[in-house]
Structure formats: C-alpha cells, structure tokens
C-alpha cells in the first residue's frame, strides 16, 4: 500500500464515529492486514497492541493513530454517559475481542497473547 493511501486511511479512521465499533473500509484494510499477519491484536483495554516485539514503522504509526482515535472517542463516550474512561475502554475491549475473527491474536485478561 502506498504511503499516501495509508495517510488517507488514517485520516478517515480518525474522522470515523466510534472507532472500533464502525470503521471506514479504507482504514480497516491496513489494520486487518496487520492483524492477519499476526503483528497486532486487540487488547482488553480497548486498544490495539503489538503481538510481535518489533513491527514495521508503518504498522507502528497505524496502531498509534488508531489508538489515539479510539482514546479520543472513549473519552467522548465517557463524558456523554457520565462514566469513567476505564469503564468505556473495558466494554469496548470486550466487544472488539468478541468480534475478532478466528486465527487472529487477542490479549487475555492475564496479559498473554493467544490466537482466537
């Protein structure tokens, strides 16, 4: 994927309502590729984590951008609903892990990565 397309995808991702719950196709494609390659996975805290110790720079940038968008959205949801960001993150984490396809990595509550 070309760099400009990655930047476009990241821009669309951060503009999306409720990252992790509904995502634009262009933003989802590079994330799905990284998940299918076993580089990243969903964590119980509602963020994406690195399964492998070292990942390509573009994957690291993608994860950073998506996590920043998710944290921003989680804060908005918490404020709107009068609850804590940690509570929103926990609910989002459960939903994202539940929606993770078989064969991709998810982090267990104990912090270990496992294939779903």
N, C-alpha and C. Protein backbone atom coordinates (compact mmCIF):
# COMPACT_ATOMS: atom_id res chain seq x y z
N UNK A 1 0.86 -1.17 0.00
CA UNK A 1 0.00 0.00 0.00
C UNK A 1 0.90 1.23 0.00
N UNK A 2 0.56 2.18 -0.83
CA UNK A 2 1.39 3.38 -0.91
C UNK A 2 1.22 4.22 0.34
N UNK A 3 2.22 5.03 0.59
CA UNK A 3 2.21 5.86 1.80
C UNK A 3 1.02 6.82 1.82
N UNK A 4 0.71 7.44 0.67
CA UNK A 4 -0.40 8.40 0.65
C UNK A 4 -1.72 7.71 0.93
N UNK A 5 -1.87 6.48 0.47
CA UNK A 5 -3.10 5.75 0.75
C UNK A 5 -3.20 5.43 2.24
N UNK A 6 -2.07 5.11 2.85
CA UNK A 6 -2.05 4.85 4.30
C UNK A 6 -2.45 6.11 5.05
N UNK A 7 -1.91 7.26 4.63
CA UNK A 7 -2.25 8.53 5.29
C UNK A 7 -3.74 8.83 5.12
N UNK A 8 -4.26 8.60 3.93
CA UNK A 8 -5.69 8.80 3.69
C UNK A 8 -6.51 7.89 4.60
N UNK A 9 -6.10 6.63 4.70
CA UNK A 9 -6.82 5.68 5.54
C UNK A 9 -6.80 6.13 7.00
N UNK A 10 -5.65 6.61 7.46
CA UNK A 10 -5.54 7.07 8.84
C UNK A 10 -6.42 8.29 9.08
N UNK A 11 -6.47 9.19 8.10
CA UNK A 11 -7.32 10.38 8.22
C UNK A 11 -8.78 9.98 8.33
N UNK A 12 -9.19 9.05 7.50
CA UNK A 12 -10.58 8.59 7.54
C UNK A 12 -10.87 7.90 8.87
N UNK A 13 -9.89 7.15 9.37
CA UNK A 13 -10.10 6.44 10.63
C UNK A 13 -10.36 7.41 11.76
N UNK A 14 -9.53 8.44 11.87
CA UNK A 14 -9.68 9.36 13.00
C UNK A 14 -10.95 10.19 12.88
N UNK A 15 -11.48 10.32 11.68
CA UNK A 15 -12.73 11.06 11.49
C UNK A 15 -13.95 10.18 11.72
N UNK A 16 -13.75 8.89 11.79
CA UNK A 16 -14.88 7.97 11.92
C UNK A 16 -15.52 8.07 13.30
N UNK A 17 -16.81 7.92 13.32
CA UNK A 17 -17.53 7.88 14.60
C UNK A 17 -17.31 6.52 15.23
N UNK A 18 -17.03 6.53 16.51
CA UNK A 18 -16.86 5.31 17.30
C UNK A 18 -15.83 4.36 16.71
N UNK A 19 -14.55 4.75 16.66
CA UNK A 19 -13.54 3.83 16.15
C UNK A 19 -13.60 2.50 16.89
N UNK A 20 -13.46 1.43 16.16
CA UNK A 20 -13.52 0.10 16.74
C UNK A 20 -14.90 -0.50 16.71
N UNK A 21 -15.92 0.33 16.58
CA UNK A 21 -17.29 -0.17 16.50
C UNK A 21 -17.80 -0.07 15.07
N UNK A 22 -17.49 1.01 14.39
CA UNK A 22 -17.83 1.18 12.99
C UNK A 22 -16.65 1.88 12.34
N UNK A 23 -16.07 1.28 11.31
CA UNK A 23 -14.86 1.85 10.74
C UNK A 23 -14.95 1.91 9.23
N UNK A 24 -14.38 2.95 8.62
CA UNK A 24 -14.37 3.03 7.17
C UNK A 24 -13.52 1.92 6.57
N UNK A 25 -13.92 1.44 5.42
CA UNK A 25 -13.23 0.32 4.78
C UNK A 25 -11.77 0.62 4.50
N UNK A 26 -11.45 1.84 4.10
CA UNK A 26 -10.06 2.16 3.79
C UNK A 26 -9.17 2.12 5.02
N UNK A 27 -9.69 2.47 6.16
CA UNK A 27 -8.89 2.42 7.39
C UNK A 27 -8.78 1.00 7.89
N UNK A 28 -9.80 0.22 7.68
CA UNK A 28 -9.83 -1.14 8.19
C UNK A 28 -8.87 -2.06 7.44
N UNK A 29 -8.67 -1.82 6.15
CA UNK A 29 -7.85 -2.72 5.34
C UNK A 29 -6.42 -2.88 5.87
N UNK A 30 -5.68 -1.79 6.12
CA UNK A 30 -4.32 -1.98 6.62
C UNK A 30 -4.28 -2.60 8.02
N UNK A 31 -5.26 -2.27 8.85
CA UNK A 31 -5.33 -2.86 10.19
C UNK A 31 -5.60 -4.35 10.08
N UNK A 32 -6.55 -4.73 9.24
CA UNK A 32 -6.84 -6.15 9.06
C UNK A 32 -5.62 -6.91 8.56
N UNK A 33 -4.88 -6.32 7.64
CA UNK A 33 -3.68 -6.97 7.12
C UNK A 33 -2.67 -7.20 8.24
N UNK A 34 -2.47 -6.21 9.09
CA UNK A 34 -1.53 -6.35 10.21
C UNK A 34 -2.02 -7.41 11.20
N UNK A 35 -3.32 -7.46 11.43
CA UNK A 35 -3.88 -8.48 12.33
C UNK A 35 -3.71 -9.87 11.73
N UNK A 36 -4.01 -10.01 10.45
CA UNK A 36 -3.90 -11.32 9.79
C UNK A 36 -2.46 -11.80 9.74
N UNK A 37 -1.52 -10.87 9.70
CA UNK A 37 -0.10 -11.23 9.69
C UNK A 37 0.41 -11.57 11.09
N UNK A 38 -0.43 -11.39 12.10
CA UNK A 38 -0.04 -11.70 13.47
C UNK A 38 0.86 -10.65 14.11
N UNK A 39 0.87 -9.45 13.54
CA UNK A 39 1.70 -8.38 14.09
C UNK A 39 1.03 -7.66 15.25
N UNK A 40 -0.28 -7.51 15.17
CA UNK A 40 -1.03 -6.78 16.19
C UNK A 40 -2.29 -7.54 16.55
N UNK A 41 -2.87 -7.17 17.69
CA UNK A 41 -4.11 -7.80 18.13
C UNK A 41 -4.87 -6.88 19.06
N UNK A 42 -6.09 -7.27 19.36
CA UNK A 42 -6.96 -6.49 20.25
C UNK A 42 -6.65 -6.83 21.70
N UNK A 43 -6.73 -5.79 22.55
CA UNK A 43 -6.45 -5.94 23.98
C UNK A 43 -7.72 -5.66 24.78
N UNK A 44 -7.80 -6.19 26.01
CA UNK A 44 -8.98 -5.97 26.85
C UNK A 44 -9.23 -4.52 27.22
N UNK A 45 -8.22 -3.66 27.05
CA UNK A 45 -8.40 -2.24 27.39
C UNK A 45 -8.94 -1.41 26.23
N UNK A 46 -9.35 -2.08 25.15
CA UNK A 46 -9.93 -1.37 24.01
C UNK A 46 -8.93 -0.80 23.05
N UNK A 47 -7.67 -1.13 23.22
CA UNK A 47 -6.63 -0.64 22.33
C UNK A 47 -6.02 -1.80 21.55
N UNK A 48 -5.25 -1.45 20.54
CA UNK A 48 -4.53 -2.44 19.75
C UNK A 48 -3.13 -2.55 20.33
N UNK A 49 -2.61 -3.76 20.42
CA UNK A 49 -1.27 -3.96 20.94
C UNK A 49 -0.40 -4.70 19.94
N UNK A 50 0.90 -4.65 20.17
CA UNK A 50 1.87 -5.32 19.32
C UNK A 50 2.08 -6.74 19.81
N UNK A 51 1.74 -7.72 19.00
CA UNK A 51 1.95 -9.12 19.34
C UNK A 51 3.43 -9.43 19.22
N UNK A 52 4.01 -8.99 18.12
CA UNK A 52 5.44 -9.19 17.87
C UNK A 52 6.21 -8.08 18.57
N UNK A 53 7.39 -8.38 19.03
CA UNK A 53 8.20 -7.36 19.71
C UNK A 53 8.57 -6.20 18.80
N UNK A 54 8.81 -6.49 17.54
CA UNK A 54 9.20 -5.47 16.58
C UNK A 54 8.22 -5.51 15.41
N UNK A 55 7.74 -4.34 15.03
CA UNK A 55 6.83 -4.24 13.88
C UNK A 55 7.36 -3.17 12.93
N UNK A 56 7.00 -3.26 11.65
CA UNK A 56 7.41 -2.21 10.71
C UNK A 56 6.91 -0.84 11.16
N UNK A 57 7.66 0.18 10.79
CA UNK A 57 7.33 1.55 11.21
C UNK A 57 5.93 1.96 10.79
N UNK A 58 5.50 1.56 9.59
CA UNK A 58 4.17 1.96 9.14
C UNK A 58 3.08 1.30 9.97
N UNK A 59 3.32 0.08 10.43
CA UNK A 59 2.35 -0.59 11.30
C UNK A 59 2.32 0.11 12.66
N UNK A 60 3.48 0.47 13.18
CA UNK A 60 3.53 1.20 14.44
C UNK A 60 2.80 2.52 14.37
N UNK A 61 2.98 3.23 13.26
CA UNK A 61 2.29 4.51 13.07
C UNK A 61 0.78 4.31 12.96
N UNK A 62 0.37 3.28 12.25
CA UNK A 62 -1.05 2.97 12.10
C UNK A 62 -1.68 2.68 13.46
N UNK A 63 -1.04 1.83 14.24
CA UNK A 63 -1.55 1.48 15.57
C UNK A 63 -1.62 2.72 16.46
N UNK A 64 -0.60 3.53 16.42
CA UNK A 64 -0.60 4.76 17.22
C UNK A 64 -1.75 5.68 16.85
N UNK A 65 -1.98 5.83 15.57
CA UNK A 65 -3.06 6.69 15.09
C UNK A 65 -4.43 6.13 15.48
N UNK A 66 -4.63 4.85 15.28
CA UNK A 66 -5.91 4.24 15.62
C UNK A 66 -6.16 4.30 17.12
N UNK A 67 -5.14 3.98 17.91
CA UNK A 67 -5.31 4.03 19.37
C UNK A 67 -5.62 5.45 19.84
N UNK A 68 -4.98 6.44 19.25
CA UNK A 68 -5.27 7.84 19.62
C UNK A 68 -6.72 8.18 19.31
N UNK A 69 -7.20 7.75 18.15
CA UNK A 69 -8.59 7.98 17.79
C UNK A 69 -9.56 7.27 18.72
N UNK A 70 -9.20 6.04 19.08
CA UNK A 70 -10.05 5.29 20.00
C UNK A 70 -10.10 5.98 21.36
N UNK A 71 -8.96 6.38 21.88
CA UNK A 71 -8.94 7.04 23.20
C UNK A 71 -9.76 8.32 23.20
N UNK A 72 -9.68 9.07 22.12
CA UNK A 72 -10.48 10.29 22.00
C UNK A 72 -11.97 9.96 22.02
N UNK A 73 -12.33 8.95 21.28
CA UNK A 73 -13.75 8.57 21.22
C UNK A 73 -14.22 8.00 22.56
N UNK A 74 -13.38 7.19 23.20
CA UNK A 74 -13.76 6.64 24.51
C UNK A 74 -13.99 7.76 25.52
N UNK A 75 -13.16 8.80 25.48
CA UNK A 75 -13.34 9.94 26.39
C UNK A 75 -14.66 10.66 26.11
N UNK A 76 -15.01 10.81 24.84
CA UNK A 76 -16.29 11.44 24.48
C UNK A 76 -17.46 10.62 25.00
N UNK A 77 -17.39 9.31 24.80
CA UNK A 77 -18.47 8.42 25.25
C UNK A 77 -18.60 8.48 26.77
N UNK A 78 -17.47 8.45 27.48
CA UNK A 78 -17.49 8.51 28.94
C UNK A 78 -18.11 9.81 29.42
N UNK A 79 -17.74 10.91 28.82
CA UNK A 79 -18.27 12.21 29.22
C UNK A 79 -19.77 12.28 28.97
N UNK A 80 -20.20 11.83 27.80
CA UNK A 80 -21.62 11.85 27.44
C UNK A 80 -22.46 11.02 28.40
N UNK A 81 -21.90 9.89 28.84
CA UNK A 81 -22.64 8.96 29.68
C UNK A 81 -22.34 9.08 31.17
N UNK A 82 -21.50 10.03 31.54
CA UNK A 82 -21.19 10.23 32.95
C UNK A 82 -20.53 9.04 33.60
N UNK A 83 -19.63 8.40 32.88
CA UNK A 83 -18.93 7.24 33.41
C UNK A 83 -17.43 7.43 33.20
N UNK A 84 -16.66 6.49 33.67
CA UNK A 84 -15.20 6.61 33.55
C UNK A 84 -14.72 6.12 32.18
N UNK A 85 -13.61 6.68 31.76
CA UNK A 85 -12.99 6.24 30.51
C UNK A 85 -12.59 4.77 30.63
N UNK A 86 -12.11 4.37 31.81
CA UNK A 86 -11.71 2.97 32.01
C UNK A 86 -12.88 2.02 31.79
N UNK A 87 -14.08 2.41 32.23
CA UNK A 87 -15.27 1.57 32.03
C UNK A 87 -15.59 1.44 30.55
N UNK A 88 -15.53 2.55 29.84
CA UNK A 88 -15.80 2.54 28.40
C UNK A 88 -14.77 1.67 27.69
N UNK A 89 -13.50 1.82 28.07
CA UNK A 89 -12.44 1.03 27.45
C UNK A 89 -12.65 -0.46 27.69
N UNK A 90 -13.08 -0.83 28.88
CA UNK A 90 -13.30 -2.24 29.20
C UNK A 90 -14.42 -2.82 28.36
N UNK A 91 -15.51 -2.08 28.21
CA UNK A 91 -16.64 -2.55 27.38
C UNK A 91 -16.19 -2.66 25.93
N UNK A 92 -15.50 -1.64 25.44
CA UNK A 92 -15.02 -1.66 24.06
C UNK A 92 -14.06 -2.82 23.84
N UNK A 93 -13.17 -3.06 24.79
CA UNK A 93 -12.23 -4.16 24.68
C UNK A 93 -12.92 -5.50 24.55
N UNK A 94 -13.94 -5.72 25.38
CA UNK A 94 -14.70 -6.98 25.30
C UNK A 94 -15.36 -7.12 23.94
N UNK A 95 -15.98 -6.05 23.46
CA UNK A 95 -16.67 -6.10 22.17
C UNK A 95 -15.70 -6.35 21.02
N UNK A 96 -14.57 -5.66 21.04
CA UNK A 96 -13.58 -5.83 19.97
C UNK A 96 -13.00 -7.24 19.98
N UNK A 97 -12.73 -7.78 21.15
CA UNK A 97 -12.21 -9.14 21.24
C UNK A 97 -13.27 -10.13 20.77
N UNK A 98 -14.52 -9.92 21.18
CA UNK A 98 -15.61 -10.81 20.73
C UNK A 98 -15.74 -10.81 19.21
N UNK A 99 -15.51 -9.67 18.59
CA UNK A 99 -15.65 -9.54 17.13
C UNK A 99 -14.40 -9.97 16.36
N UNK A 100 -13.33 -10.26 17.05
CA UNK A 100 -12.10 -10.65 16.37
C UNK A 100 -12.29 -12.02 15.72
N UNK A 101 -11.96 -12.12 14.43
CA UNK A 101 -12.12 -13.40 13.73
C UNK A 101 -11.17 -14.48 14.27
N UNK A 102 -11.56 -15.71 14.10
CA UNK A 102 -10.71 -16.84 14.48
C UNK A 102 -9.39 -16.74 13.73
N UNK A 103 -8.31 -17.08 14.42
CA UNK A 103 -6.99 -17.06 13.82
C UNK A 103 -6.19 -15.80 14.11
N UNK A 104 -6.87 -14.74 14.54
CA UNK A 104 -6.16 -13.51 14.89
C UNK A 104 -5.86 -13.51 16.39
N UNK A 105 -4.92 -12.65 16.78
CA UNK A 105 -4.49 -12.61 18.18
C UNK A 105 -5.34 -11.67 19.02
N UNK A 106 -5.59 -12.11 20.24
CA UNK A 106 -6.23 -11.27 21.26
C UNK A 106 -5.43 -11.45 22.55
N UNK A 107 -5.46 -10.41 23.38
CA UNK A 107 -4.76 -10.49 24.65
C UNK A 107 -5.74 -10.97 25.72
N UNK A 108 -5.31 -11.93 26.52
CA UNK A 108 -6.15 -12.42 27.61
C UNK A 108 -6.10 -11.44 28.77
N UNK A 109 -6.98 -11.64 29.74
CA UNK A 109 -7.01 -10.78 30.92
C UNK A 109 -5.69 -10.83 31.69
N UNK A 110 -4.96 -11.94 31.56
CA UNK A 110 -3.67 -12.08 32.26
C UNK A 110 -2.52 -11.43 31.49
N UNK A 111 -2.80 -10.91 30.29
CA UNK A 111 -1.78 -10.22 29.52
C UNK A 111 -1.03 -11.08 28.51
N UNK A 112 -1.48 -12.31 28.32
CA UNK A 112 -0.84 -13.19 27.34
C UNK A 112 -1.56 -13.11 26.00
N UNK A 113 -0.80 -13.16 24.92
CA UNK A 113 -1.40 -13.18 23.59
C UNK A 113 -1.78 -14.60 23.23
N UNK A 114 -2.96 -14.76 22.63
CA UNK A 114 -3.37 -16.08 22.15
C UNK A 114 -4.16 -15.91 20.86
N UNK A 115 -4.06 -16.94 20.01
CA UNK A 115 -4.87 -16.95 18.80
C UNK A 115 -6.30 -17.29 19.18
N UNK A 116 -7.20 -16.56 18.61
CA UNK A 116 -8.61 -16.81 18.90
C UNK A 116 -9.09 -18.00 18.07
